[in-house]
């Protein structure tokens, strides 16, 4: 009986840990939205700078998405262990 209860608690804590790890994806979603909003605003203010800041936008987008992928992978690792 005690062994079953310990297993249930362990599985429940895994789910909680995976959920907390997945919260990082919310922050990445907000970050991506802010990046593109800033890009659109910058182009609206100075359309001639589109080529200059285009590379920086893609780098910022890639780094932000990488953080989301790390959070997702951590959630899956927690669930698989």
PDB file of N, CA and C in Angstrom:
ATOM      1  N   UNK A   1       0.816  -1.195   0.000  1.00  0.00           N
ATOM      2  CA  UNK A   1       0.000   0.000   0.000  1.00  0.00           C
ATOM      3  C   UNK A   1       0.866   1.268   0.000  1.00  0.00           C
ATOM      4  N   UNK A   2       1.925   1.265   0.812  1.00  0.00           N
ATOM      5  CA  UNK A   2       2.798   2.429   0.867  1.00  0.00           C
ATOM      6  C   UNK A   2       3.569   2.616  -0.433  1.00  0.00           C
ATOM      7  N   UNK A   3       3.905   1.502  -1.079  1.00  0.00           N
ATOM      8  CA  UNK A   3       4.649   1.574  -2.329  1.00  0.00           C
ATOM      9  C   UNK A   3       3.781   2.200  -3.412  1.00  0.00           C
ATOM     10  N   UNK A   4       2.503   1.855  -3.458  1.00  0.00           N
ATOM     11  CA  UNK A   4       1.593   2.435  -4.443  1.00  0.00           C
ATOM     12  C   UNK A   4       1.435   3.939  -4.223  1.00  0.00           C
ATOM     13  N   UNK A   5       1.324   4.353  -2.974  1.00  0.00           N
ATOM     14  CA  UNK A   5       1.173   5.775  -2.671  1.00  0.00           C
ATOM     15  C   UNK A   5       2.423   6.552  -3.073  1.00  0.00           C
ATOM     16  N   UNK A   6       3.581   5.960  -2.840  1.00  0.00           N
ATOM     17  CA  UNK A   6       4.825   6.634  -3.220  1.00  0.00           C
ATOM     18  C   UNK A   6       4.917   6.768  -4.730  1.00  0.00           C
ATOM     19  N   UNK A   7       4.476   5.765  -5.465  1.00  0.00           N
ATOM     20  CA  UNK A   7       4.480   5.827  -6.922  1.00  0.00           C
ATOM     21  C   UNK A   7       3.537   6.883  -7.448  1.00  0.00           C
ATOM     22  N   UNK A   8       2.369   7.001  -6.838  1.00  0.00           N
ATOM     23  CA  UNK A   8       1.407   8.020  -7.253  1.00  0.00           C
ATOM     24  C   UNK A   8       1.935   9.421  -6.988  1.00  0.00           C
ATOM     25  N   UNK A   9       2.557   9.590  -5.835  1.00  0.00           N
ATOM     26  CA  UNK A   9       3.122  10.899  -5.511  1.00  0.00           C
ATOM     27  C   UNK A   9       4.249  11.240  -6.476  1.00  0.00           C
ATOM     28  N   UNK A  10       5.100  10.253  -6.780  1.00  0.00           N
ATOM     29  CA  UNK A  10       6.205  10.471  -7.701  1.00  0.00           C
ATOM     30  C   UNK A  10       5.701  10.857  -9.090  1.00  0.00           C
ATOM     31  N   UNK A  11       4.681  10.169  -9.576  1.00  0.00           N
ATOM     32  CA  UNK A  11       4.119  10.497 -10.892  1.00  0.00           C
ATOM     33  C   UNK A  11       3.469  11.879 -10.886  1.00  0.00           C
ATOM     34  N   UNK A  12       2.817  12.220  -9.802  1.00  0.00           N
ATOM     35  CA  UNK A  12       2.196  13.538  -9.699  1.00  0.00           C
ATOM     36  C   UNK A  12       3.228  14.651  -9.703  1.00  0.00           C
ATOM     37  N   UNK A  13       4.331  14.422  -8.995  1.00  0.00           N
ATOM     38  CA  UNK A  13       5.387  15.426  -8.957  1.00  0.00           C
ATOM     39  C   UNK A  13       6.081  15.565 -10.305  1.00  0.00           C
ATOM     40  N   UNK A  14       6.170  14.459 -11.062  1.00  0.00           N
ATOM     41  CA  UNK A  14       6.721  14.550 -12.416  1.00  0.00           C
ATOM     42  C   UNK A  14       5.853  15.450 -13.285  1.00  0.00           C
ATOM     43  N   UNK A  15       4.553  15.296 -13.173  1.00  0.00           N
ATOM     44  CA  UNK A  15       3.645  16.124 -13.966  1.00  0.00           C
ATOM     45  C   UNK A  15       3.755  17.596 -13.574  1.00  0.00           C
ATOM     46  N   UNK A  16       3.882  17.851 -12.292  1.00  0.00           N
ATOM     47  CA  UNK A  16       4.038  19.234 -11.834  1.00  0.00           C
ATOM     48  C   UNK A  16       5.352  19.814 -12.353  1.00  0.00           C
ATOM     49  N   UNK A  17       6.428  19.045 -12.276  1.00  0.00           N
ATOM     50  CA  UNK A  17       7.723  19.517 -12.762  1.00  0.00           C
ATOM     51  C   UNK A  17       7.713  19.780 -14.259  1.00  0.00           C
ATOM     52  N   UNK A  18       7.077  18.901 -15.018  1.00  0.00           N
ATOM     53  CA  UNK A  18       6.987  19.104 -16.463  1.00  0.00           C
ATOM     54  C   UNK A  18       6.155  20.342 -16.784  1.00  0.00           C
ATOM     55  N   UNK A  19       5.102  20.562 -16.042  1.00  0.00           N
ATOM     56  CA  UNK A  19       4.287  21.763 -16.251  1.00  0.00           C
ATOM     57  C   UNK A  19       5.061  23.032 -15.941  1.00  0.00           C
ATOM     58  N   UNK A  20       5.848  23.008 -14.875  1.00  0.00           N
ATOM     59  CA  UNK A  20       6.656  24.177 -14.538  1.00  0.00           C
ATOM     60  C   UNK A  20       7.739  24.427 -15.580  1.00  0.00           C
ATOM     61  N   UNK A  21       8.312  23.356 -16.125  1.00  0.00           N
ATOM     62  CA  UNK A  21       9.324  23.521 -17.174  1.00  0.00           C
ATOM     63  C   UNK A  21       8.695  24.101 -18.439  1.00  0.00           C
ATOM     64  N   UNK A  22       7.466  23.725 -18.727  1.00  0.00           N
ATOM     65  CA  UNK A  22       6.789  24.197 -19.936  1.00  0.00           C
ATOM     66  C   UNK A  22       6.383  25.664 -19.839  1.00  0.00           C
ATOM     67  N   UNK A  23       6.397  26.239 -18.648  1.00  0.00           N
ATOM     68  CA  UNK A  23       6.072  27.656 -18.494  1.00  0.00           C
ATOM     69  C   UNK A  23       7.077  28.525 -19.259  1.00  0.00           C
ATOM     70  N   UNK A  24       8.282  28.024 -19.433  1.00  0.00           N
ATOM     71  CA  UNK A  24       9.290  28.753 -20.207  1.00  0.00           C
ATOM     72  C   UNK A  24       8.843  29.018 -21.633  1.00  0.00           C
ATOM     73  N   UNK A  25       7.969  28.181 -22.149  1.00  0.00           N
ATOM     74  CA  UNK A  25       7.469  28.387 -23.509  1.00  0.00           C
ATOM     75  C   UNK A  25       6.570  29.612 -23.581  1.00  0.00           C
ATOM     76  N   UNK A  26       5.883  29.921 -22.509  1.00  0.00           N
ATOM     77  CA  UNK A  26       5.028  31.117 -22.486  1.00  0.00           C
ATOM     78  C   UNK A  26       5.889  32.369 -22.610  1.00  0.00           C
ATOM     79  N   UNK A  27       6.971  32.404 -21.862  1.00  0.00           N
ATOM     80  CA  UNK A  27       7.878  33.547 -21.942  1.00  0.00           C
ATOM     81  C   UNK A  27       8.489  33.707 -23.324  1.00  0.00           C
ATOM     82  N   UNK A  28       8.797  32.591 -23.962  1.00  0.00           N
ATOM     83  CA  UNK A  28       9.345  32.662 -25.313  1.00  0.00           C
ATOM     84  C   UNK A  28       8.307  33.183 -26.294  1.00  0.00           C
ATOM     85  N   UNK A  29       7.068  32.790 -26.118  1.00  0.00           N
ATOM     86  CA  UNK A  29       6.005  33.297 -26.988  1.00  0.00           C
ATOM     87  C   UNK A  29       5.837  34.801 -26.855  1.00  0.00           C
ATOM     88  N   UNK A  30       5.896  35.283 -25.643  1.00  0.00           N
ATOM     89  CA  UNK A  30       5.821  36.729 -25.416  1.00  0.00           C
ATOM     90  C   UNK A  30       7.035  37.423 -26.031  1.00  0.00           C
ATOM     91  N   UNK A  31       8.203  36.813 -25.887  1.00  0.00           N
ATOM     92  CA  UNK A  31       9.411  37.399 -26.447  1.00  0.00           C
ATOM     93  C   UNK A  31       9.372  37.500 -27.960  1.00  0.00           C
ATOM     94  N   UNK A  32       8.874  36.452 -28.610  1.00  0.00           N
ATOM     95  CA  UNK A  32       8.772  36.475 -30.068  1.00  0.00           C
ATOM     96  C   UNK A  32       7.799  37.566 -30.511  1.00  0.00           C
ATOM     97  N   UNK A  33       6.700  37.694 -29.819  1.00  0.00           N
ATOM     98  CA  UNK A  33       5.740  38.750 -30.151  1.00  0.00           C
ATOM     99  C   UNK A  33       6.334  40.133 -30.012  1.00  0.00           C
ATOM    100  N   UNK A  34       7.115  40.327 -28.966  1.00  0.00           N
ATOM    101  CA  UNK A  34       7.747  41.638 -28.771  1.00  0.00           C
ATOM    102  C   UNK A  34       8.806  41.919 -29.824  1.00  0.00           C
ATOM    103  N   UNK A  35       9.538  40.886 -30.220  1.00  0.00           N
ATOM    104  CA  UNK A  35      10.568  41.068 -31.250  1.00  0.00           C
ATOM    105  C   UNK A  35       9.931  41.535 -32.548  1.00  0.00           C
ATOM    106  N   UNK A  36       8.896  40.847 -32.990  1.00  0.00           N
ATOM    107  CA  UNK A  36       8.277  41.211 -34.266  1.00  0.00           C
ATOM    108  C   UNK A  36       7.529  42.537 -34.177  1.00  0.00           C
ATOM    109  N   UNK A  37       6.945  42.823 -33.019  1.00  0.00           N
ATOM    110  CA  UNK A  37       6.278  44.120 -32.860  1.00  0.00           C
ATOM    111  C   UNK A  37       7.293  45.260 -32.946  1.00  0.00           C
ATOM    112  N   UNK A  38       8.445  45.067 -32.339  1.00  0.00           N
ATOM    113  CA  UNK A  38       9.492  46.095 -32.408  1.00  0.00           C
ATOM    114  C   UNK A  38      10.015  46.258 -33.827  1.00  0.00           C
ATOM    115  N   UNK A  39      10.120  45.147 -34.541  1.00  0.00           N
ATOM    116  CA  UNK A  39      10.584  45.198 -35.921  1.00  0.00           C
ATOM    117  C   UNK A  39       9.604  45.986 -36.794  1.00  0.00           C
ATOM    118  N   UNK A  40       8.340  45.692 -36.652  1.00  0.00           N
ATOM    119  CA  UNK A  40       7.319  46.397 -37.440  1.00  0.00           C
ATOM    120  C   UNK A  40       7.306  47.881 -37.093  1.00  0.00           C
ATOM    121  N   UNK A  41       7.455  48.195 -35.812  1.00  0.00           N
ATOM    122  CA  UNK A  41       7.494  49.593 -35.400  1.00  0.00           C
ATOM    123  C   UNK A  41       8.726  50.308 -35.968  1.00  0.00           C
ATOM    124  N   UNK A  42       9.867  49.629 -35.953  1.00  0.00           N
ATOM    125  CA  UNK A  42      11.090  50.240 -36.482  1.00  0.00           C
ATOM    126  C   UNK A  42      10.978  50.481 -37.982  1.00  0.00           C
ATOM    127  N   UNK A  43      10.393  49.543 -38.701  1.00  0.00           N
ATOM    128  CA  UNK A  43      10.218  49.712 -40.143  1.00  0.00           C
ATOM    129  C   UNK A  43       9.220  50.834 -40.424  1.00  0.00           C
ATOM    130  N   UNK A  44       8.217  50.956 -39.579  1.00  0.00           N
ATOM    131  CA  UNK A  44       7.255  52.043 -39.749  1.00  0.00           C
ATOM    132  C   UNK A  44       7.883  53.411 -39.531  1.00  0.00           C
ATOM    133  N   UNK A  45       8.827  53.478 -38.615  1.00  0.00           N
ATOM    134  CA  UNK A  45       9.476  54.761 -38.335  1.00  0.00           C
ATOM    135  C   UNK A  45      10.542  55.108 -39.369  1.00  0.00           C
ATOM    136  N   UNK A  46      11.267  54.080 -39.835  1.00  0.00           N
ATOM    137  CA  UNK A  46      12.357  54.333 -40.787  1.00  0.00           C
ATOM    138  C   UNK A  46      12.406  53.174 -41.792  1.00  0.00           C
ATOM    139  N   UNK A  47      11.642  53.260 -42.864  1.00  0.00           N
ATOM    140  CA  UNK A  47      11.605  52.148 -43.825  1.00  0.00           C
ATOM    141  C   UNK A  47      12.945  51.856 -44.492  1.00  0.00           C
ATOM    142  N   UNK A  48      13.834  52.832 -44.561  1.00  0.00           N
ATOM    143  CA  UNK A  48      15.134  52.617 -45.193  1.00  0.00           C
ATOM    144  C   UNK A  48      16.032  51.678 -44.386  1.00  0.00           C
ATOM    145  N   UNK A  49      15.737  51.464 -43.117  1.00  0.00           N
ATOM    146  CA  UNK A  49      16.588  50.621 -42.271  1.00  0.00           C
ATOM    147  C   UNK A  49      16.182  49.150 -42.297  1.00  0.00           C
ATOM    148  N   UNK A  50      15.292  48.791 -43.188  1.00  0.00           N
ATOM    149  CA  UNK A  50      14.802  47.412 -43.218  1.00  0.00           C
ATOM    150  C   UNK A  50      15.920  46.401 -43.421  1.00  0.00           C
ATOM    151  N   UNK A  51      16.802  46.656 -44.354  1.00  0.00           N
ATOM    152  CA  UNK A  51      17.894  45.730 -44.640  1.00  0.00           C
ATOM    153  C   UNK A  51      18.908  45.673 -43.501  1.00  0.00           C
ATOM    154  N   UNK A  52      19.111  46.784 -42.815  1.00  0.00           N
ATOM    155  CA  UNK A  52      20.117  46.834 -41.751  1.00  0.00           C
ATOM    156  C   UNK A  52      19.706  46.031 -40.526  1.00  0.00           C
ATOM    157  N   UNK A  53      18.434  46.084 -40.170  1.00  0.00           N
ATOM    158  CA  UNK A  53      18.007  45.413 -38.941  1.00  0.00           C
ATOM    159  C   UNK A  53      17.392  44.044 -39.193  1.00  0.00           C
ATOM    160  N   UNK A  54      17.256  43.654 -40.440  1.00  0.00           N
ATOM    161  CA  UNK A  54      16.649  42.364 -40.756  1.00  0.00           C
ATOM    162  C   UNK A  54      17.405  41.182 -40.183  1.00  0.00           C
ATOM    163  N   UNK A  55      18.727  41.197 -40.271  1.00  0.00           N
ATOM    164  CA  UNK A  55      19.529  40.086 -39.741  1.00  0.00           C
ATOM    165  C   UNK A  55      19.410  39.998 -38.225  1.00  0.00           C
ATOM    166  N   UNK A  56      19.390  41.137 -37.563  1.00  0.00           N
ATOM    167  CA  UNK A  56      19.277  41.130 -36.102  1.00  0.00           C
ATOM    168  C   UNK A  56      17.938  40.565 -35.646  1.00  0.00           C
ATOM    169  N   UNK A  57      16.897  40.819 -36.409  1.00  0.00           N
ATOM    170  CA  UNK A  57      15.572  40.291 -36.073  1.00  0.00           C
ATOM    171  C   UNK A  57      15.592  38.767 -36.121  1.00  0.00           C
ATOM    172  N   UNK A  58      16.182  38.210 -37.165  1.00  0.00           N
ATOM    173  CA  UNK A  58      16.206  36.752 -37.295  1.00  0.00           C
ATOM    174  C   UNK A  58      17.079  36.107 -36.232  1.00  0.00           C
ATOM    175  N   UNK A  59      18.156  36.770 -35.845  1.00  0.00           N
ATOM    176  CA  UNK A  59      18.994  36.223 -34.771  1.00  0.00           C
ATOM    177  C   UNK A  59      18.228  36.228 -33.450  1.00  0.00           C
ATOM    178  N   UNK A  60      17.567  37.327 -33.142  1.00  0.00           N
ATOM    179  CA  UNK A  60      16.772  37.398 -31.919  1.00  0.00           C
ATOM    180  C   UNK A  60      15.646  36.389 -31.908  1.00  0.00           C
ATOM    181  N   UNK A  61      15.002  36.220 -33.056  1.00  0.00           N
ATOM    182  CA  UNK A  61      13.919  35.241 -33.167  1.00  0.00           C
ATOM    183  C   UNK A  61      14.450  33.830 -32.929  1.00  0.00           C
ATOM    184  N   UNK A  62      15.584  33.506 -33.524  1.00  0.00           N
ATOM    185  CA  UNK A  62      16.155  32.166 -33.375  1.00  0.00           C
ATOM    186  C   UNK A  62      16.553  31.873 -31.937  1.00  0.00           C
ATOM    187  N   UNK A  63      17.159  32.849 -31.277  1.00  0.00           N
ATOM    188  CA  UNK A  63      17.570  32.643 -29.880  1.00  0.00           C
ATOM    189  C   UNK A  63      16.349  32.469 -28.981  1.00  0.00           C
ATOM    190  N   UNK A  64      15.325  33.256 -29.206  1.00  0.00           N
ATOM    191  CA  UNK A  64      14.107  33.150 -28.397  1.00  0.00           C
ATOM    192  C   UNK A  64      13.416  31.812 -28.618  1.00  0.00           C
ATOM    193  N   UNK A  65      13.360  31.358 -29.851  1.00  0.00           N
ATOM    194  CA  UNK A  65      12.753  30.057 -30.139  1.00  0.00           C
ATOM    195  C   UNK A  65      13.588  28.925 -29.564  1.00  0.00           C
ATOM    196  N   UNK A  66      14.909  29.090 -29.523  1.00  0.00           N
ATOM    197  CA  UNK A  66      15.766  28.060 -28.930  1.00  0.00           C
ATOM    198  C   UNK A  66      15.452  27.891 -27.449  1.00  0.00           C
ATOM    199  N   UNK A  67      15.179  28.988 -26.775  1.00  0.00           N
ATOM    200  CA  UNK A  67      14.824  28.912 -25.354  1.00  0.00           C
ATOM    201  C   UNK A  67      13.514  28.143 -25.183  1.00  0.00           C
ATOM    202  N   UNK A  68      12.559  28.369 -26.076  1.00  0.00           N
ATOM    203  CA  UNK A  68      11.299  27.628 -26.016  1.00  0.00           C
ATOM    204  C   UNK A  68      11.536  26.138 -26.246  1.00  0.00           C
ATOM    205  N   UNK A  69      12.403  25.806 -27.182  1.00  0.00           N
ATOM    206  CA  UNK A  69      12.698  24.394 -27.428  1.00  0.00           C
ATOM    207  C   UNK A  69      13.402  23.750 -26.235  1.00  0.00           C
ATOM    208  N   UNK A  70      14.295  24.487 -25.590  1.00  0.00           N
ATOM    209  CA  UNK A  70      14.950  23.950 -24.396  1.00  0.00           C
ATOM    210  C   UNK A  70      13.925  23.663 -23.301  1.00  0.00           C
ATOM    211  N   UNK A  71      12.973  24.554 -23.119  1.00  0.00           N
ATOM    212  CA  UNK A  71      11.937  24.342 -22.104  1.00  0.00           C
ATOM    213  C   UNK A  71      11.092  23.121 -22.451  1.00  0.00           C
ATOM    214  N   UNK A  72      10.743  22.963 -23.709  1.00  0.00           N
ATOM    215  CA  UNK A  72       9.948  21.814 -24.128  1.00  0.00           C
ATOM    216  C   UNK A  72      10.725  20.510 -23.954  1.00  0.00           C
ATOM    217  N   UNK A  73      11.991  20.520 -24.320  1.00  0.00           N
ATOM    218  CA  UNK A  73      12.808  19.315 -24.163  1.00  0.00           C
ATOM    219  C   UNK A  73      12.959  18.955 -22.691  1.00  0.00           C
ATOM    220  N   UNK A  74      13.127  19.957 -21.841  1.00  0.00           N
ATOM    221  CA  UNK A  74      13.237  19.681 -20.401  1.00  0.00           C
ATOM    222  C   UNK A  74      11.946  19.055 -19.870  1.00  0.00           C
ATOM    223  N   UNK A  75      10.803  19.562 -20.335  1.00  0.00           N
ATOM    224  CA  UNK A  75       9.532  18.975 -19.897  1.00  0.00           C
ATOM    225  C   UNK A  75       9.434  17.523 -20.333  1.00  0.00           C
ATOM    226  N   UNK A  76       9.845  17.204 -21.550  1.00  0.00           N
ATOM    227  CA  UNK A  76       9.800  15.821 -22.012  1.00  0.00           C
ATOM    228  C   UNK A  76      10.791  14.945 -21.265  1.00  0.00           C
ATOM    229  N   UNK A  77      11.956  15.471 -20.937  1.00  0.00           N
ATOM    230  CA  UNK A  77      12.943  14.691 -20.165  1.00  0.00           C
ATOM    231  C   UNK A  77      12.396  14.391 -18.784  1.00  0.00           C
ATOM    232  N   UNK A  78      11.756  15.355 -18.176  1.00  0.00           N
ATOM    233  CA  UNK A  78      11.170  15.116 -16.842  1.00  0.00           C
ATOM    234  C   UNK A  78      10.095  14.062 -16.915  1.00  0.00           C
ATOM    235  N   UNK A  79       9.258  14.095 -17.941  1.00  0.00           N
ATOM    236  CA  UNK A  79       8.194  13.110 -18.068  1.00  0.00           C
ATOM    237  C   UNK A  79       8.750  11.717 -18.368  1.00  0.00           C
ATOM    238  N   UNK A  80       9.851  11.648 -19.101  1.00  0.00           N
ATOM    239  CA  UNK A  80      10.409  10.343 -19.481  1.00  0.00           C
ATOM    240  C   UNK A  80      11.201   9.688 -18.356  1.00  0.00           C
ATOM    241  N   UNK A  81      11.652  10.452 -17.413  1.00  0.00           N
ATOM    242  CA  UNK A  81      12.489   9.863 -16.347  1.00  0.00           C
ATOM    243  C   UNK A  81      11.670   9.117 -15.322  1.00  0.00           C
TER     244      UNK A  81
END
